[in-house]
Amino acid sequence: MIFVLFTTLLIGTSSFSTKKPELKDFKIIFQTTENGLKLIGEKGTAFKELTFTIKENAPQGIDEFGMTTEESKKDGKDEKLADFEFTVEKTNNGFSLIGKKGTAWTKLGFTFGKKDSKAFVDQFGLTVK
């Protein structure tokens, strides 16, 4: 009786029956500007280019539509776009990204070595060139 109950609880829990969401392709190029960041949406985004000022320890939300906040999140989905969300934050020694949804990563950190460096971010991680 106890074994059957325990087995039923295990099978019925979300950790055993939840299917991981499929990641959709997106690619964003990060570049520094004089006062902040420029993001270029290469794939899976509705935006082509975002430029904004970013202050240290003040995270900015980014999703497939562009800049976002908790209050301004879009309810609709576009099947042509990737479904992702992350925050970008300036830190003492670079930038930090926190993946909220649609990414294989949960946290990334990077710095720009040269003035004209670029960071390429996608659903799997980043590369700095």
Protein backbone atom coordinates (compact mmCIF):
# COMPACT_ATOMS: atom_id res chain seq x y z
CA MET A 1 0.00 0.00 0.00
CA ILE A 2 2.77 2.50 0.94
CA PHE A 3 4.82 1.49 -2.12
CA VAL A 4 1.86 2.12 -4.46
CA LEU A 5 1.16 5.51 -2.88
CA PHE A 6 4.85 6.52 -3.10
CA THR A 7 5.05 5.41 -6.75
CA THR A 8 1.89 7.32 -7.60
CA LEU A 9 3.27 10.47 -5.98
CA LEU A 10 6.55 10.16 -7.88
CA ILE A 11 4.89 9.62 -11.25
CA GLY A 12 2.43 12.43 -10.67
CA THR A 13 4.99 15.07 -9.73
CA SER A 14 5.89 17.76 -12.20
CA SER A 15 9.61 16.97 -12.08
CA PHE A 16 8.96 13.60 -13.68
CA SER A 17 6.20 14.57 -16.07
CA THR A 18 7.30 18.04 -17.21
CA LYS A 19 8.65 18.31 -20.72
CA LYS A 20 11.42 20.87 -21.23
CA PRO A 21 10.39 23.66 -23.59
CA GLU A 22 11.95 23.65 -27.04
CA LEU A 23 14.45 26.46 -27.56
CA LYS A 24 13.92 28.62 -30.63
CA ASP A 25 16.85 30.22 -32.43
CA PHE A 26 17.76 33.82 -31.74
CA LYS A 27 20.92 35.84 -32.21
CA ILE A 28 21.68 39.27 -30.77
CA ILE A 29 24.88 41.27 -31.19
CA PHE A 30 25.91 43.43 -28.21
CA GLN A 31 28.12 46.49 -28.71
CA THR A 32 29.10 49.21 -26.27
CA THR A 33 28.21 52.84 -26.94
CA GLU A 34 29.47 55.96 -25.20
CA ASN A 35 26.71 55.75 -22.56
CA GLY A 36 25.39 52.22 -22.75
CA LEU A 37 24.68 49.36 -25.11
CA LYS A 38 23.50 48.76 -28.63
CA LEU A 39 21.75 45.46 -29.36
CA ILE A 40 21.29 44.31 -32.94
CA GLY A 41 18.62 41.66 -33.49
CA GLU A 42 20.00 39.28 -36.12
CA LYS A 43 17.58 36.37 -35.79
CA GLY A 44 14.37 35.54 -33.89
CA THR A 45 13.64 39.11 -32.77
CA ALA A 46 11.09 41.74 -33.76
CA PHE A 47 13.65 44.50 -33.17
CA LYS A 48 16.45 45.35 -35.55
CA GLU A 49 18.38 47.67 -33.24
CA LEU A 50 18.06 48.86 -29.63
CA THR A 51 20.27 51.54 -28.10
CA PHE A 52 19.93 52.46 -24.45
CA THR A 53 21.76 53.86 -21.44
CA ILE A 54 22.57 51.27 -18.82
CA LYS A 55 23.55 52.05 -15.26
CA GLU A 56 25.43 49.80 -12.88
CA ASN A 57 23.20 47.46 -10.85
CA ALA A 58 20.05 48.47 -12.76
CA PRO A 59 18.94 45.42 -14.82
CA GLN A 60 17.13 45.97 -18.11
CA GLY A 61 14.72 43.32 -19.39
CA ILE A 62 15.03 42.17 -23.00
CA ASP A 63 12.67 39.84 -24.88
CA GLU A 64 11.97 39.02 -28.51
CA PHE A 65 10.08 42.32 -28.92
CA GLY A 66 12.76 44.55 -27.37
CA MET A 67 13.10 46.28 -24.02
CA THR A 68 10.64 45.10 -21.39
CA THR A 69 9.67 45.47 -17.75
CA GLU A 70 7.46 43.37 -15.49
CA GLU A 71 4.61 45.82 -16.16
CA SER A 72 5.02 45.97 -19.95
CA LYS A 73 5.35 42.30 -20.86
CA LYS A 74 3.45 41.28 -23.97
CA ASP A 75 0.86 38.53 -23.62
CA GLY A 76 0.82 37.54 -27.29
CA LYS A 77 3.32 35.36 -29.05
CA ASP A 78 4.56 35.52 -32.61
CA GLU A 79 5.35 32.10 -34.04
CA LYS A 80 7.97 33.66 -36.32
CA LEU A 81 9.97 34.89 -33.32
CA ALA A 82 11.90 33.10 -30.60
CA ASP A 83 10.18 33.14 -27.19
CA PHE A 84 12.89 34.35 -24.80
CA GLU A 85 13.50 36.76 -21.97
CA PHE A 86 16.63 37.83 -20.12
CA THR A 87 17.98 40.79 -18.20
CA VAL A 88 21.20 42.65 -18.91
CA GLU A 89 23.00 44.51 -16.14
CA LYS A 90 26.19 46.55 -16.00
CA THR A 91 28.55 45.30 -13.30
CA ASN A 92 31.88 46.49 -11.88
CA ASN A 93 33.80 44.49 -14.47
CA GLY A 94 31.50 44.13 -17.48
CA PHE A 95 27.98 42.92 -18.08
CA SER A 96 25.80 40.17 -16.65
CA LEU A 97 22.91 38.42 -18.40
CA ILE A 98 20.28 36.45 -16.47
CA GLY A 99 18.18 34.04 -18.56
CA LYS A 100 14.49 34.06 -17.57
CA LYS A 101 12.98 31.90 -20.35
CA GLY A 102 13.84 30.49 -23.75
CA THR A 103 17.57 30.09 -23.04
CA ALA A 104 19.74 27.09 -22.17
CA TRP A 105 21.78 29.38 -19.91
CA THR A 106 20.77 30.92 -16.61
CA LYS A 107 23.62 33.39 -16.14
CA LEU A 108 26.34 34.78 -18.40
CA GLY A 109 29.01 37.39 -17.75
CA PHE A 110 31.33 39.14 -20.16
CA THR A 111 33.59 42.13 -20.73
CA PHE A 112 34.63 43.87 -23.91
CA GLY A 113 38.38 43.61 -24.39
CA LYS A 114 38.77 46.13 -27.19
CA LYS A 115 36.76 49.24 -28.00
CA ASP A 116 35.19 47.71 -31.11
CA SER A 117 34.51 44.28 -29.56
CA LYS A 118 31.16 42.56 -30.02
CA ALA A 119 29.36 39.91 -28.01
CA PHE A 120 27.17 37.44 -29.90
CA VAL A 121 24.38 36.03 -27.71
CA ASP A 122 22.02 33.21 -28.64
CA GLN A 123 19.82 30.66 -26.89
CA PHE A 124 22.88 28.55 -25.98
CA GLY A 125 25.40 31.15 -24.75
CA LEU A 126 27.75 33.84 -25.98
CA THR A 127 30.94 34.53 -27.89
CA VAL A 128 32.97 37.75 -27.59
CA LYS A 129 35.04 38.87 -30.58
